[in-house]
Amino acid sequence: MEKIKVAIVGAGNIARSYHLPNYKKRDDVEITAIADIKVERAQKLAETFGIPKYFSSIEEMLENCECDYVDICVWNGSHAACAIAAARAGKAILCEKPMALNLEHALMMKEEIEKAGVPFMLAVPTRYTSQAKVLREMVDKGELGDVYYAKTAYTRRRGTPTGWFTDTKKSGGGPVIDLGVHCIDRTWYLMGNPKPVRVSASTSYAIGDWKTKGVLRWQAEESECTGFDTEDSACGVIHFENGASLMFEVSWALNAPGENITQICGSKAGARLDPFVIYGETFGYLSDNTPETGYIDMFYEEIDHFIHCLRTGEKPCSDLDQAVTMQRILDGIYRSAKLHKEVEI
């Protein structure tokens, strides 16, 4: 089998810890190059993972290496520029979540990607857990009935990352765009991706750059960034065209226990993930069923799915249209919070 060639832009935590190790597990993928604005970072990862070429920009990389697709692992504010460069070079694109810094950038990406006619997939790995795969299959088969309500939360009591994450010029926002994109996307996906139409949300800035002792923090590669203008937490409800609703709560800092939940409710049964429980009836009695789905690496499965789509021409699970819709949801959350009222998506 001919190998798929991938070039990576961004030599930070997500590439080093999740993407590159999973590429190295495969014998059908060749990593041809890596680029980073700090070329010494790209050089270090190239040496660690046996990548033959490294560059200081995506433009230089695209001019001097062969690849079938570009894996975008840079900060949010650079997603659009990298995706547009890749599209104009005729390369397929795997882009880390969120799609872009904001909706304006996402729509610019969409225009260029559609013009180039290249495949695009948003990297939202929580869709690819074993539990999520089984539950989505149940929803598709109608085993939960009509899904009309869901709730999700991804909250940290203290978990604000350092560096560029807290600078909206580079990140686009705080926990809404960092954590919310994970839990909201997965829950929306498990609901069957109904069309969002309205959102009502609020954000909080009550805690800020906390100095709590004894708490570990995610260290961004660009830790020298000093901007701190992101929200601590957010909550709200998203309404869909089919009448369903989704309640959400996200935080980097909140004086409450941290949790990571996804729950959906249908007319026949409901389900909750982590742990996986099906809330239904057996012989007319209420019953809780706990399927044993086993463990799979969601990052490996995500990459595997994209490579499968490149080989077969199938549409990716989290395709361009869904990526833009998710960006519209995130945009709606921030607009609603700013205006203190419900807004249309």
Protein backbone atom coordinates (compact mmCIF):
# COMPACT_ATOMS: atom_id res chain seq x y z
CA MET A 1 0.00 0.00 0.00
CA GLU A 2 1.32 3.42 -0.96
CA LYS A 3 2.02 5.58 2.06
CA ILE A 4 0.04 8.73 2.79
CA LYS A 5 2.42 11.65 3.24
CA VAL A 6 1.70 14.21 5.95
CA ALA A 7 3.43 17.49 6.78
CA ILE A 8 2.81 19.04 10.20
CA VAL A 9 2.68 22.73 11.05
CA GLY A 10 3.12 23.50 14.74
CA ALA A 11 5.66 21.79 17.01
CA GLY A 12 3.87 22.36 20.31
CA ASN A 13 2.19 20.13 22.87
CA ILE A 14 -0.60 18.73 20.70
CA ALA A 15 1.77 17.64 17.92
CA ARG A 16 4.41 16.28 20.28
CA SER A 17 2.12 14.45 22.69
CA TYR A 18 -0.75 13.20 20.53
CA HIS A 19 -0.38 13.51 16.76
CA LEU A 20 3.23 12.48 16.19
CA PRO A 21 3.20 9.42 18.50
CA ASN A 22 0.12 8.11 16.72
CA TYR A 23 1.59 8.66 13.26
CA LYS A 24 4.64 6.68 14.36
CA LYS A 25 2.40 3.71 15.22
CA ARG A 26 1.40 3.38 11.55
CA ASP A 27 3.27 1.82 8.65
CA ASP A 28 1.02 3.44 6.03
CA VAL A 29 1.95 7.06 6.86
CA GLU A 30 5.14 8.97 6.16
CA ILE A 31 5.83 12.25 8.00
CA THR A 32 7.73 14.29 5.44
CA ALA A 33 8.27 17.59 7.29
CA ILE A 34 7.39 19.76 10.26
CA ALA A 35 7.31 23.56 10.53
CA ASP A 36 7.14 25.99 13.44
CA ILE A 37 7.65 29.74 13.80
CA LYS A 38 10.42 28.83 16.24
CA VAL A 39 12.48 26.64 13.98
CA GLU A 40 14.46 25.16 16.88
CA ARG A 41 11.24 23.56 18.16
CA ALA A 42 10.61 22.04 14.73
CA GLN A 43 14.21 20.82 14.61
CA LYS A 44 13.89 19.18 18.04
CA LEU A 45 10.76 17.25 17.10
CA ALA A 46 12.23 16.34 13.73
CA GLU A 47 15.20 14.78 15.51
CA THR A 48 13.01 13.07 18.13
CA PHE A 49 10.56 11.53 15.66
CA GLY A 50 12.87 10.96 12.69
CA ILE A 51 11.30 13.58 10.41
CA PRO A 52 13.61 14.34 7.46
CA LYS A 53 12.88 18.07 7.04
CA TYR A 54 11.99 21.00 9.24
CA PHE A 55 11.11 24.60 8.42
CA SER A 56 10.26 27.95 10.00
CA SER A 57 7.01 28.52 8.06
CA ILE A 58 4.26 26.59 6.35
CA GLU A 59 4.99 28.42 3.11
CA GLU A 60 8.60 27.25 3.10
CA MET A 61 7.50 23.75 4.00
CA LEU A 62 4.94 23.53 1.20
CA GLU A 63 7.51 24.72 -1.33
CA ASN A 64 10.16 22.23 -0.29
CA CYS A 65 8.47 18.96 0.65
CA GLU A 66 5.94 16.49 -0.72
CA CYS A 67 2.75 15.80 1.19
CA ASP A 68 -0.82 14.64 0.66
CA TYR A 69 -2.15 16.64 3.57
CA VAL A 70 -1.21 19.20 6.17
CA ASP A 71 -1.89 18.59 9.86
CA ILE A 72 -2.47 21.98 11.54
CA CYS A 73 -1.39 22.02 15.20
CA VAL A 74 -0.72 25.73 15.76
CA TRP A 75 -2.50 28.18 18.05
CA ASN A 76 -6.07 29.11 17.09
CA GLY A 77 -5.19 32.51 15.68
CA SER A 78 -3.00 30.94 12.97
CA HIS A 79 -5.41 28.21 11.84
CA ALA A 80 -6.86 30.31 9.02
CA ALA A 81 -3.53 31.37 7.54
CA CYS A 82 -2.19 27.81 7.61
CA ALA A 83 -5.37 26.26 6.19
CA ILE A 84 -5.55 28.83 3.39
CA ALA A 85 -1.90 28.24 2.48
CA ALA A 86 -2.47 24.47 2.41
CA ALA A 87 -5.65 24.78 0.35
CA ARG A 88 -3.99 27.04 -2.21
CA ALA A 89 -1.22 24.44 -2.50
CA GLY A 90 -3.86 21.79 -3.22
CA LYS A 91 -3.31 19.86 0.01
CA ALA A 92 -5.94 18.15 2.14
CA ILE A 93 -6.26 19.53 5.68
CA LEU A 94 -6.61 18.07 9.16
CA CYS A 95 -7.10 21.02 11.52
CA GLU A 96 -7.01 20.94 15.30
CA LYS A 97 -10.05 22.29 17.10
CA PRO A 98 -11.45 24.94 17.13
CA MET A 99 -11.66 25.60 13.40
CA ALA A 100 -10.49 29.19 13.76
CA LEU A 101 -10.00 32.22 15.97
CA ASN A 102 -13.52 33.41 15.14
CA LEU A 103 -16.34 33.00 12.64
CA GLU A 104 -14.86 35.52 10.20
CA HIS A 105 -11.68 33.46 9.92
CA ALA A 106 -13.68 30.24 9.62
CA LEU A 107 -15.66 31.61 6.68
CA MET A 108 -12.43 32.73 5.00
CA MET A 109 -11.10 29.20 5.39
CA LYS A 110 -14.32 27.70 4.03
CA GLU A 111 -14.19 29.86 0.91
CA GLU A 112 -10.60 28.93 0.09
CA ILE A 113 -11.04 25.23 0.88
CA GLU A 114 -14.15 24.98 -1.30
CA LYS A 115 -12.43 26.90 -4.09
CA ALA A 116 -9.50 24.48 -3.97
CA GLY A 117 -11.76 21.44 -3.65
CA VAL A 118 -9.51 19.77 -1.06
CA PRO A 119 -10.70 17.48 1.78
CA PHE A 120 -10.97 19.05 5.23
CA MET A 121 -11.58 17.54 8.66
CA LEU A 122 -11.78 19.23 12.03
CA ALA A 123 -9.87 17.36 14.73
CA VAL A 124 -12.42 16.85 17.52
CA PRO A 125 -11.14 13.63 19.11
CA THR A 126 -13.91 13.06 21.67
CA ARG A 127 -16.16 11.91 18.80
CA TYR A 128 -13.85 8.92 18.39
CA THR A 129 -13.97 7.28 21.81
CA SER A 130 -15.41 3.78 21.94
CA GLN A 131 -18.35 5.00 24.03
CA ALA A 132 -19.19 7.81 21.62
CA LYS A 133 -19.05 5.46 18.63
CA VAL A 134 -21.47 3.01 20.23
CA LEU A 135 -23.85 5.70 21.42
CA ARG A 136 -23.98 7.44 18.03
CA GLU A 137 -24.80 4.09 16.42
CA MET A 138 -27.65 3.64 18.93
CA VAL A 139 -28.97 7.12 18.12
CA ASP A 140 -28.78 6.46 14.38
CA LYS A 141 -30.72 3.21 14.81
CA GLY A 142 -33.43 5.00 16.81
CA GLU A 143 -32.83 3.03 19.99
CA LEU A 144 -33.12 6.19 22.10
CA GLY A 145 -36.14 7.46 20.17
CA ASP A 146 -36.34 11.17 19.41
CA VAL A 147 -33.48 12.98 21.15
CA TYR A 148 -34.98 16.18 22.54
CA TYR A 149 -32.70 17.23 25.41
CA ALA A 150 -29.02 17.03 26.32
CA LYS A 151 -26.59 18.52 28.76
CA THR A 152 -22.84 18.64 28.93
CA ALA A 153 -20.19 20.04 31.20
CA TYR A 154 -16.42 20.29 31.02
CA THR A 155 -15.43 22.19 34.13
CA ARG A 156 -12.22 22.63 36.05
CA ARG A 157 -12.13 24.01 39.56
CA ARG A 158 -8.70 25.43 38.78
CA GLY A 159 -7.29 24.60 35.38
CA THR A 160 -6.39 27.76 33.48
CA PRO A 161 -3.52 27.05 31.06
CA THR A 162 -0.56 29.36 30.69
CA GLY A 163 0.67 31.36 27.72
CA TRP A 164 -1.24 32.03 24.51
CA PHE A 165 -4.41 30.29 25.74
CA THR A 166 -5.35 33.35 27.82
CA ASP A 167 -4.63 35.89 25.07
CA THR A 168 -7.77 36.27 22.93
CA LYS A 169 -5.76 37.67 20.02
CA LYS A 170 -4.16 34.22 19.71
CA SER A 171 -6.82 31.95 21.22
CA GLY A 172 -10.12 33.64 20.36
CA GLY A 173 -11.44 33.02 23.87
CA GLY A 174 -11.11 30.97 27.04
CA PRO A 175 -12.79 27.75 28.18
CA VAL A 176 -15.68 28.18 25.72
CA ILE A 177 -13.41 27.84 22.70
CA ASP A 178 -10.88 25.54 24.40
CA LEU A 179 -13.02 23.07 26.40
CA GLY A 180 -16.50 23.91 25.18
CA VAL A 181 -15.65 22.96 21.63
CA HIS A 182 -14.91 19.44 22.92
CA CYS A 183 -17.97 18.79 25.06
CA ILE A 184 -20.47 20.78 22.99
CA ASP A 185 -19.28 19.21 19.75
CA ARG A 186 -19.44 15.66 21.11
CA THR A 187 -22.90 16.17 22.56
CA TRP A 188 -24.18 17.82 19.38
CA TYR A 189 -22.73 14.93 17.38
CA LEU A 190 -24.42 12.36 19.64
CA MET A 191 -27.72 14.20 19.24
CA GLY A 192 -27.44 13.58 15.50
CA ASN A 193 -26.11 17.05 14.54
CA PRO A 194 -29.43 18.93 14.48
CA LYS A 195 -29.31 22.45 13.05
CA PRO A 196 -28.63 25.09 15.77
CA VAL A 197 -30.82 28.18 15.58
CA ARG A 198 -30.52 30.14 18.87
CA VAL A 199 -28.31 30.38 21.92
CA SER A 200 -28.54 32.10 25.28
CA ALA A 201 -25.30 32.26 27.27
CA SER A 202 -23.34 34.08 29.92
CA THR A 203 -19.64 34.28 30.70
CA SER A 204 -17.86 35.06 33.98
CA TYR A 205 -14.59 36.88 34.71
CA ALA A 206 -14.84 36.68 38.51
CA ILE A 207 -11.65 34.74 39.34
CA GLY A 208 -9.15 35.73 36.68
CA ASP A 209 -5.45 34.89 36.90
CA TRP A 210 -5.68 32.88 40.08
CA LYS A 211 -2.69 32.20 42.34
CA THR A 212 -4.03 29.08 44.06
CA LYS A 213 -1.23 26.92 45.47
CA GLY A 214 -0.74 23.22 44.82
CA VAL A 215 -2.43 23.13 41.41
CA LEU A 216 -0.68 21.98 38.25
CA ARG A 217 -1.27 23.99 35.06
CA TRP A 218 -1.07 23.10 31.39
CA GLN A 219 2.08 24.81 30.16
CA ALA A 220 1.73 26.25 26.67
CA GLU A 221 4.84 26.28 24.48
CA GLU A 222 4.41 30.04 24.07
CA SER A 223 4.40 30.54 27.84
CA GLU A 224 6.04 33.96 27.55
CA CYS A 225 2.74 35.44 26.32
CA THR A 226 1.39 37.78 29.00
CA GLY A 227 -2.15 38.53 27.78
CA PHE A 228 -4.98 37.53 30.13
CA ASP A 229 -8.38 38.67 28.89
CA THR A 230 -10.31 35.40 28.65
CA GLU A 231 -13.38 34.25 30.59
CA ASP A 232 -13.19 31.96 33.64
CA SER A 233 -16.39 30.08 32.87
CA ALA A 234 -19.56 30.08 30.81
CA CYS A 235 -22.96 28.45 30.73
CA GLY A 236 -26.01 28.53 28.53
CA VAL A 237 -28.49 26.68 26.35
CA ILE A 238 -28.45 26.01 22.62
CA HIS A 239 -31.74 25.53 20.78
CA PHE A 240 -32.07 23.49 17.59
CA GLU A 241 -34.42 23.62 14.62
CA ASN A 242 -36.00 20.28 15.56
CA GLY A 243 -37.02 21.61 18.99
CA ALA A 244 -34.20 19.93 20.93
CA SER A 245 -32.07 21.86 23.42
CA LEU A 246 -28.58 21.46 24.83
CA MET A 247 -27.46 22.91 28.17
CA PHE A 248 -23.73 23.45 28.67
CA GLU A 249 -21.28 24.55 31.34
CA VAL A 250 -17.53 25.06 30.91
CA SER A 251 -14.80 26.52 33.08
CA TRP A 252 -11.10 26.94 33.65
CA ALA A 253 -11.74 28.35 37.12
CA LEU A 254 -14.94 27.83 39.10
CA ASN A 255 -15.58 27.37 42.79
CA ALA A 256 -17.28 24.02 42.25
CA PRO A 257 -16.16 20.43 41.63
CA GLY A 258 -14.69 19.78 38.21
CA GLU A 259 -16.59 17.38 35.96
CA ASN A 260 -16.68 16.11 32.40
CA ILE A 261 -20.11 14.79 31.42
CA THR A 262 -22.22 14.19 28.36
CA GLN A 263 -25.87 13.18 28.73
CA ILE A 264 -28.59 12.89 26.11
CA CYS A 265 -32.27 12.11 26.57
CA GLY A 266 -34.59 10.54 24.03
CA SER A 267 -38.24 9.52 24.03
CA LYS A 268 -37.32 5.83 24.48
CA ALA A 269 -34.15 5.98 26.56
CA GLY A 270 -31.30 8.20 27.67
CA ALA A 271 -27.55 7.82 28.01
CA ARG A 272 -24.59 9.25 29.86
CA LEU A 273 -20.91 8.89 29.08
CA ASP A 274 -17.90 8.43 31.38
CA PRO A 275 -19.13 6.10 32.77
CA PHE A 276 -21.36 4.77 29.98
CA VAL A 277 -24.88 4.17 31.24
CA ILE A 278 -28.09 3.60 29.28
CA TYR A 279 -31.21 4.72 31.16
CA GLY A 280 -34.14 2.72 29.87
CA GLU A 281 -36.74 0.13 30.81
CA THR A 282 -36.63 -3.67 31.04
CA PHE A 283 -39.89 -5.63 31.19
CA GLY A 284 -41.65 -2.38 31.99
CA TYR A 285 -39.34 -1.47 34.85
CA LEU A 286 -36.74 1.28 34.98
CA SER A 287 -33.28 -0.14 34.35
CA ASP A 288 -29.69 1.06 34.02
CA ASN A 289 -27.51 -0.77 31.51
CA THR A 290 -23.72 -0.31 31.51
CA PRO A 291 -22.21 -1.46 28.18
CA GLU A 292 -18.55 -2.51 28.23
CA THR A 293 -17.15 -0.90 25.11
CA GLY A 294 -13.43 -1.26 25.86
CA TYR A 295 -10.78 1.39 25.30
CA ILE A 296 -9.47 2.86 22.07
CA ASP A 297 -7.10 5.81 21.62
CA MET A 298 -9.34 8.61 20.34
CA PHE A 299 -6.43 10.46 18.71
CA TYR A 300 -5.36 7.35 16.82
CA GLU A 301 -8.94 6.69 15.74
CA GLU A 302 -9.35 10.29 14.59
CA ILE A 303 -6.23 10.12 12.41
CA ASP A 304 -7.22 6.68 11.16
CA HIS A 305 -10.63 7.99 10.11
CA PHE A 306 -9.14 10.90 8.15
CA ILE A 307 -6.65 8.67 6.35
CA HIS A 308 -9.47 6.26 5.51
CA CYS A 309 -11.45 9.15 4.03
CA LEU A 310 -8.46 10.28 1.96
CA ARG A 311 -8.07 6.78 0.54
CA THR A 312 -11.77 6.17 -0.15
CA GLY A 313 -13.08 9.65 -0.93
CA GLU A 314 -15.65 9.37 1.88
CA LYS A 315 -16.79 12.51 3.68
CA PRO A 316 -15.09 12.93 7.07
CA CYS A 317 -17.19 12.66 10.21
CA SER A 318 -16.40 16.25 11.24
CA ASP A 319 -16.39 17.81 7.78
CA LEU A 320 -16.09 21.42 6.64
CA ASP A 321 -19.77 22.29 7.03
CA GLN A 322 -19.92 20.85 10.56
CA ALA A 323 -16.72 22.68 11.49
CA VAL A 324 -18.21 26.00 10.36
CA THR A 325 -21.47 25.25 12.20
CA MET A 326 -19.54 24.57 15.40
CA GLN A 327 -17.74 27.89 14.95
CA ARG A 328 -21.14 29.58 14.55
CA ILE A 329 -22.22 28.03 17.86
CA LEU A 330 -19.09 29.29 19.63
CA ASP A 331 -19.57 32.73 18.06
CA GLY A 332 -23.21 32.75 19.20
CA ILE A 333 -22.19 31.93 22.78
CA TYR A 334 -19.81 34.88 22.95
CA ARG A 335 -22.26 37.25 21.24
CA SER A 336 -25.08 36.27 23.56
CA ALA A 337 -22.89 36.75 26.63
CA LYS A 338 -21.72 40.16 25.40
CA LEU A 339 -25.24 41.38 24.55
CA HIS A 340 -26.87 39.78 27.63
CA LYS A 341 -29.63 38.28 25.50
CA GLU A 342 -30.49 35.31 23.33
CA VAL A 343 -29.11 35.51 19.79
CA GLU A 344 -29.73 33.69 16.52
CA ILE A 345 -27.02 31.39 15.21
